[in-house]
Each structure stands twice: as C-alpha cells, then as structure tokens.
C-alpha atoms as a PDB file:
ATOM      1  CA  UNK A   1       6.253 113.018 111.743  1.00  0.00           C
ATOM      2  CA  UNK A   2       4.103 114.699 114.571  1.00  0.00           C
ATOM      3  CA  UNK A   3       0.792 113.699 115.049  1.00  0.00           C
ATOM      4  CA  UNK A   4      -0.817 115.013 118.358  1.00  0.00           C
ATOM      5  CA  UNK A   5      -4.256 113.313 119.229  1.00  0.00           C
ATOM      6  CA  UNK A   6      -6.963 113.027 122.104  1.00  0.00           C
ATOM      7  CA  UNK A   7      -8.987 115.607 124.039  1.00  0.00           C
ATOM      8  CA  UNK A   8      -8.092 116.529 127.416  1.00  0.00           C
ATOM      9  CA  UNK A   9     -10.206 118.856 129.682  1.00  0.00           C
ATOM     10  CA  UNK A  10      -8.592 121.255 132.620  1.00  0.00           C
ATOM     11  CA  UNK A  11      -9.145 123.953 134.951  1.00  0.00           C
ATOM     12  CA  UNK A  12      -7.490 127.143 134.746  1.00  0.00           C
ATOM     13  CA  UNK A  13      -6.036 127.388 138.267  1.00  0.00           C
ATOM     14  CA  UNK A  14      -5.800 130.850 140.567  1.00  0.00           C
ATOM     15  CA  UNK A  15      -2.819 131.769 138.723  1.00  0.00           C
ATOM     16  CA  UNK A  16      -3.736 131.358 135.378  1.00  0.00           C
ATOM     17  CA  UNK A  17      -1.600 127.887 134.904  1.00  0.00           C
ATOM     18  CA  UNK A  18      -3.329 125.233 133.007  1.00  0.00           C
ATOM     19  CA  UNK A  19      -1.793 121.707 132.850  1.00  0.00           C
ATOM     20  CA  UNK A  20      -0.691 120.191 129.417  1.00  0.00           C
ATOM     21  CA  UNK A  21      -1.499 116.736 129.801  1.00  0.00           C
ATOM     22  CA  UNK A  22       1.348 114.224 130.239  1.00  0.00           C
ATOM     23  CA  UNK A  23      -0.512 112.060 127.333  1.00  0.00           C
ATOM     24  CA  UNK A  24      -0.319 115.122 124.974  1.00  0.00           C
ATOM     25  CA  UNK A  25       3.559 115.733 126.170  1.00  0.00           C
ATOM     26  CA  UNK A  26       4.632 112.452 125.890  1.00  0.00           C
ATOM     27  CA  UNK A  27       3.790 112.590 121.974  1.00  0.00           C
ATOM     28  CA  UNK A  28       5.898 114.806 121.141  1.00  0.00           C
ATOM     29  CA  UNK A  29      10.143 114.016 120.968  1.00  0.00           C
ATOM     30  CA  UNK A  30      11.959 116.817 122.483  1.00  0.00           C
ATOM     31  CA  UNK A  31      14.768 116.082 120.442  1.00  0.00           C
ATOM     32  CA  UNK A  32      13.041 115.940 116.968  1.00  0.00           C
ATOM     33  CA  UNK A  33      10.144 118.935 117.879  1.00  0.00           C
ATOM     34  CA  UNK A  34      12.031 120.860 120.509  1.00  0.00           C
ATOM     35  CA  UNK A  35      11.555 121.091 124.186  1.00  0.00           C
ATOM     36  CA  UNK A  36      10.264 124.756 123.774  1.00  0.00           C
ATOM     37  CA  UNK A  37       6.429 126.066 122.749  1.00  0.00           C
ATOM     38  CA  UNK A  38       5.234 128.848 121.127  1.00  0.00           C
ATOM     39  CA  UNK A  39       1.952 129.719 122.286  1.00  0.00           C
ATOM     40  CA  UNK A  40      -0.063 131.476 119.072  1.00  0.00           C
ATOM     41  CA  UNK A  41      -3.387 132.634 117.879  1.00  0.00           C
ATOM     42  CA  UNK A  42      -4.648 130.275 114.975  1.00  0.00           C
ATOM     43  CA  UNK A  43      -7.262 129.812 112.398  1.00  0.00           C
ATOM     44  CA  UNK A  44     -10.754 131.464 114.141  1.00  0.00           C
ATOM     45  CA  UNK A  45      -8.893 132.824 117.034  1.00  0.00           C
ATOM     46  CA  UNK A  46      -8.491 129.553 118.704  1.00  0.00           C
ATOM     47  CA  UNK A  47      -5.156 129.567 120.592  1.00  0.00           C
ATOM     48  CA  UNK A  48      -2.468 127.236 119.509  1.00  0.00           C
ATOM     49  CA  UNK A  49       0.415 125.383 121.468  1.00  0.00           C
ATOM     50  CA  UNK A  50       3.539 124.795 118.742  1.00  0.00           C
ATOM     51  CA  UNK A  51       6.346 122.770 119.439  1.00  0.00           C
ATOM     52  CA  UNK A  52       8.885 125.035 118.514  1.00  0.00           C
ATOM     53  CA  UNK A  53      10.343 123.427 115.565  1.00  0.00           C
ATOM     54  CA  UNK A  54       6.994 123.310 114.058  1.00  0.00           C
ATOM     55  CA  UNK A  55       6.531 126.964 114.610  1.00  0.00           C
ATOM     56  CA  UNK A  56       9.425 127.686 112.486  1.00  0.00           C
ATOM     57  CA  UNK A  57       8.050 125.602 109.783  1.00  0.00           C
ATOM     58  CA  UNK A  58       4.681 127.322 110.088  1.00  0.00           C
ATOM     59  CA  UNK A  59       6.770 131.446 109.915  1.00  0.00           C
ATOM     60  CA  UNK A  60       8.656 130.043 107.132  1.00  0.00           C
ATOM     61  CA  UNK A  61       5.680 128.964 105.222  1.00  0.00           C
ATOM     62  CA  UNK A  62       4.566 132.692 104.572  1.00  0.00           C
ATOM     63  CA  UNK A  63       7.618 133.849 102.280  1.00  0.00           C
ATOM     64  CA  UNK A  64       7.502 136.761 100.103  1.00  0.00           C
ATOM     65  CA  UNK A  65       7.150 135.027  97.117  1.00  0.00           C
ATOM     66  CA  UNK A  66       3.790 133.203  98.186  1.00  0.00           C
ATOM     67  CA  UNK A  67       1.492 135.901  99.150  1.00  0.00           C
ATOM     68  CA  UNK A  68       1.904 139.302  98.721  1.00  0.00           C
ATOM     69  CA  UNK A  69       4.023 142.301 100.334  1.00  0.00           C
ATOM     70  CA  UNK A  70       1.549 144.096 102.396  1.00  0.00           C
ATOM     71  CA  UNK A  71      -0.332 140.519 103.003  1.00  0.00           C
ATOM     72  CA  UNK A  72       3.611 139.359 104.415  1.00  0.00           C
ATOM     73  CA  UNK A  73       3.886 142.509 106.468  1.00  0.00           C
ATOM     74  CA  UNK A  74       0.622 141.872 108.306  1.00  0.00           C
ATOM     75  CA  UNK A  75       0.935 138.441 108.916  1.00  0.00           C
ATOM     76  CA  UNK A  76       4.363 138.673 110.098  1.00  0.00           C
ATOM     77  CA  UNK A  77       3.551 141.430 112.352  1.00  0.00           C
ATOM     78  CA  UNK A  78       0.731 140.171 113.599  1.00  0.00           C
ATOM     79  CA  UNK A  79       1.913 136.237 113.781  1.00  0.00           C
ATOM     80  CA  UNK A  80       5.152 137.158 115.945  1.00  0.00           C
ATOM     81  CA  UNK A  81       3.493 140.285 118.221  1.00  0.00           C
ATOM     82  CA  UNK A  82       0.939 137.816 119.341  1.00  0.00           C
ATOM     83  CA  UNK A  83       3.319 134.941 119.657  1.00  0.00           C
ATOM     84  CA  UNK A  84       5.310 134.320 122.519  1.00  0.00           C
ATOM     85  CA  UNK A  85       7.818 131.427 123.573  1.00  0.00           C
ATOM     86  CA  UNK A  86       6.865 129.758 126.389  1.00  0.00           C
ATOM     87  CA  UNK A  87       8.104 126.892 128.715  1.00  0.00           C
ATOM     88  CA  UNK A  88       5.856 124.376 130.671  1.00  0.00           C
ATOM     89  CA  UNK A  89       6.911 124.029 134.711  1.00  0.00           C
ATOM     90  CA  UNK A  90       8.009 121.149 136.021  1.00  0.00           C
ATOM     91  CA  UNK A  91       4.526 120.159 136.794  1.00  0.00           C
ATOM     92  CA  UNK A  92       3.820 120.206 132.830  1.00  0.00           C
ATOM     93  CA  UNK A  93       1.762 123.771 133.365  1.00  0.00           C
ATOM     94  CA  UNK A  94       1.680 126.519 131.192  1.00  0.00           C
ATOM     95  CA  UNK A  95       0.707 130.220 132.306  1.00  0.00           C
ATOM     96  CA  UNK A  96      -1.856 131.926 130.628  1.00  0.00           C
ATOM     97  CA  UNK A  97      -2.036 135.445 131.270  1.00  0.00           C
ATOM     98  CA  UNK A  98      -4.999 137.264 131.550  1.00  0.00           C
ATOM     99  CA  UNK A  99      -4.892 139.119 128.393  1.00  0.00           C
ATOM    100  CA  UNK A 100      -4.430 136.261 126.446  1.00  0.00           C
ATOM    101  CA  UNK A 101      -7.179 134.293 128.101  1.00  0.00           C
ATOM    102  CA  UNK A 102      -9.451 137.474 126.968  1.00  0.00           C
ATOM    103  CA  UNK A 103      -8.280 137.635 123.467  1.00  0.00           C
ATOM    104  CA  UNK A 104      -9.056 134.067 123.299  1.00  0.00           C
ATOM    105  CA  UNK A 105     -12.365 133.814 125.085  1.00  0.00           C
ATOM    106  CA  UNK A 106     -11.026 131.457 127.534  1.00  0.00           C
ATOM    107  CA  UNK A 107     -12.498 130.764 130.740  1.00  0.00           C
ATOM    108  CA  UNK A 108     -11.913 128.434 133.810  1.00  0.00           C
ATOM    109  CA  UNK A 109     -12.844 125.028 131.789  1.00  0.00           C
ATOM    110  CA  UNK A 110     -10.569 124.462 129.028  1.00  0.00           C
ATOM    111  CA  UNK A 111     -10.180 121.716 126.666  1.00  0.00           C
ATOM    112  CA  UNK A 112      -6.709 120.715 124.948  1.00  0.00           C
ATOM    113  CA  UNK A 113      -6.614 118.973 121.720  1.00  0.00           C
ATOM    114  CA  UNK A 114      -3.821 117.429 119.809  1.00  0.00           C
ATOM    115  CA  UNK A 115      -4.330 118.569 116.182  1.00  0.00           C
ATOM    116  CA  UNK A 116      -1.348 116.688 114.192  1.00  0.00           C
ATOM    117  CA  UNK A 117       1.101 119.125 114.580  1.00  0.00           C
ATOM    118  CA  UNK A 118       0.099 121.271 117.567  1.00  0.00           C
ATOM    119  CA  UNK A 119      -2.136 121.345 120.518  1.00  0.00           C
ATOM    120  CA  UNK A 120      -5.553 123.883 120.220  1.00  0.00           C
ATOM    121  CA  UNK A 121      -6.772 125.096 123.628  1.00  0.00           C
ATOM    122  CA  UNK A 122     -10.710 125.562 123.606  1.00  0.00           C
ATOM    123  CA  UNK A 123     -13.314 127.050 126.151  1.00  0.00           C
ATOM    124  CA  UNK A 124     -14.890 123.712 126.851  1.00  0.00           C
ATOM    125  CA  UNK A 125     -18.180 124.993 126.112  1.00  0.00           C
ATOM    126  CA  UNK A 126     -16.804 126.183 122.627  1.00  0.00           C
ATOM    127  CA  UNK A 127     -15.289 122.979 121.749  1.00  0.00           C
ATOM    128  CA  UNK A 128     -18.603 121.079 122.811  1.00  0.00           C
ATOM    129  CA  UNK A 129     -20.748 122.782 120.434  1.00  0.00           C
ATOM    130  CA  UNK A 130     -18.095 122.860 117.483  1.00  0.00           C
ATOM    131  CA  UNK A 131     -18.235 119.111 118.108  1.00  0.00           C
ATOM    132  CA  UNK A 132     -21.797 118.972 117.785  1.00  0.00           C
ATOM    133  CA  UNK A 133     -21.690 121.657 114.755  1.00  0.00           C
ATOM    134  CA  UNK A 134     -19.081 119.541 112.823  1.00  0.00           C
ATOM    135  CA  UNK A 135     -19.957 116.119 113.698  1.00  0.00           C
ATOM    136  CA  UNK A 136     -21.921 115.081 110.732  1.00  0.00           C
ATOM    137  CA  UNK A 137     -19.307 116.614 108.434  1.00  0.00           C
ATOM    138  CA  UNK A 138     -16.389 114.589 110.128  1.00  0.00           C
ATOM    139  CA  UNK A 139     -18.759 111.280 109.846  1.00  0.00           C
ATOM    140  CA  UNK A 140     -18.975 111.377 106.034  1.00  0.00           C
ATOM    141  CA  UNK A 141     -15.083 112.500 105.458  1.00  0.00           C
ATOM    142  CA  UNK A 142     -14.331 109.720 107.833  1.00  0.00           C
ATOM    143  CA  UNK A 143     -16.571 107.065 105.830  1.00  0.00           C
ATOM    144  CA  UNK A 144     -15.013 108.721 102.467  1.00  0.00           C
ATOM    145  CA  UNK A 145     -11.643 108.056 103.945  1.00  0.00           C
ATOM    146  CA  UNK A 146     -12.091 104.674 104.860  1.00  0.00           C
ATOM    147  CA  UNK A 147     -13.598 104.000 101.429  1.00  0.00           C
ATOM    148  CA  UNK A 148     -10.248 105.394  99.826  1.00  0.00           C
ATOM    149  CA  UNK A 149      -8.145 103.002 102.074  1.00  0.00           C
ATOM    150  CA  UNK A 150     -10.228 100.174 101.408  1.00  0.00           C
ATOM    151  CA  UNK A 151     -10.121 100.655  97.877  1.00  0.00           C
ATOM    152  CA  UNK A 152      -6.424 101.113  97.660  1.00  0.00           C
ATOM    153  CA  UNK A 153      -5.839  97.568  99.772  1.00  0.00           C
ATOM    154  CA  UNK A 154      -8.029  95.868  97.009  1.00  0.00           C
ATOM    155  CA  UNK A 155      -6.202  97.092  94.542  1.00  0.00           C
ATOM    156  CA  UNK A 156      -2.899  96.100  95.765  1.00  0.00           C
ATOM    157  CA  UNK A 157      -1.556  92.534  93.843  1.00  0.00           C
END
C-alpha cells in the first residue's frame, strides 16, 4: 500500500526544475511502485506526479464497460496526450516545461503534497487558500473518523 504524506515547499529554478523532496521520494518503494513517474493533470487542473504502476492502475480504471464510449475516448485522448513519463535527475529534480507550468498555473513557489498514491504540485498561494477554504470541513471529517475508530475499538471483545 502506498501512503504518500506531507507538504513540502520548493522553488522552481531558472531551468524549470523543482526538487521532489527526499522525504517524499523515500516513501515510494521502487520495486513495488516503479522507479519512474507520470506527470498528469488531475482533478481541478492540479498537476499530479504518479509512480508509474499507480498511473497504470488509474488508466485501467476507466474501461469501456465503466463509461459511455465517447467519454472513454475523450478520457483516453486527453489523459494520454497530457500525460508524460518523467524521470527525476540524480538530485531528485523534476523538469517542468513552460507550457505545462502555464496550464497548471504554477509560479516559482510550489508546494508538493503527498496524497495517498500520488504527489500534487500546487502553486503555494493556491495551496494556502485551499487549506483555508477546506480546514473546517477537514476537521469535521477527522472528528467523525476518530469517533468511528474509537467506537469500533470499544466494540471489540
């Protein structure tokens, strides 16, 4: 199971590279999840970095029997055209070309966050706004989850 966690602030250098923190990279077992990554647009236009095996699972999730044919074609067309297989350099940096940065609205200050099976790349200002907008909802959900866990523990013999 892959559980990527944490938030890490980085700066895009003058060559368009961003460091993928060793703290994030060390959470990924290359043998189990693959040694390369796919850079793809995720929900809400957020740029996502998937370990290669998880990207493969994701692409197989939209099969012809789970969506209308024209939706499947559109998903595959957009998903594969906008995805790119990438490798990190020896220092753990990821090259983000200008077109990709523009489409994702990324500036020089980027926050990388671990989100279970992938890493999201956020413009730091947008990430802070997202946190502000969603903190109350998160706290409520966390409280509910804790109550469920505690109840299950109390119910165990």
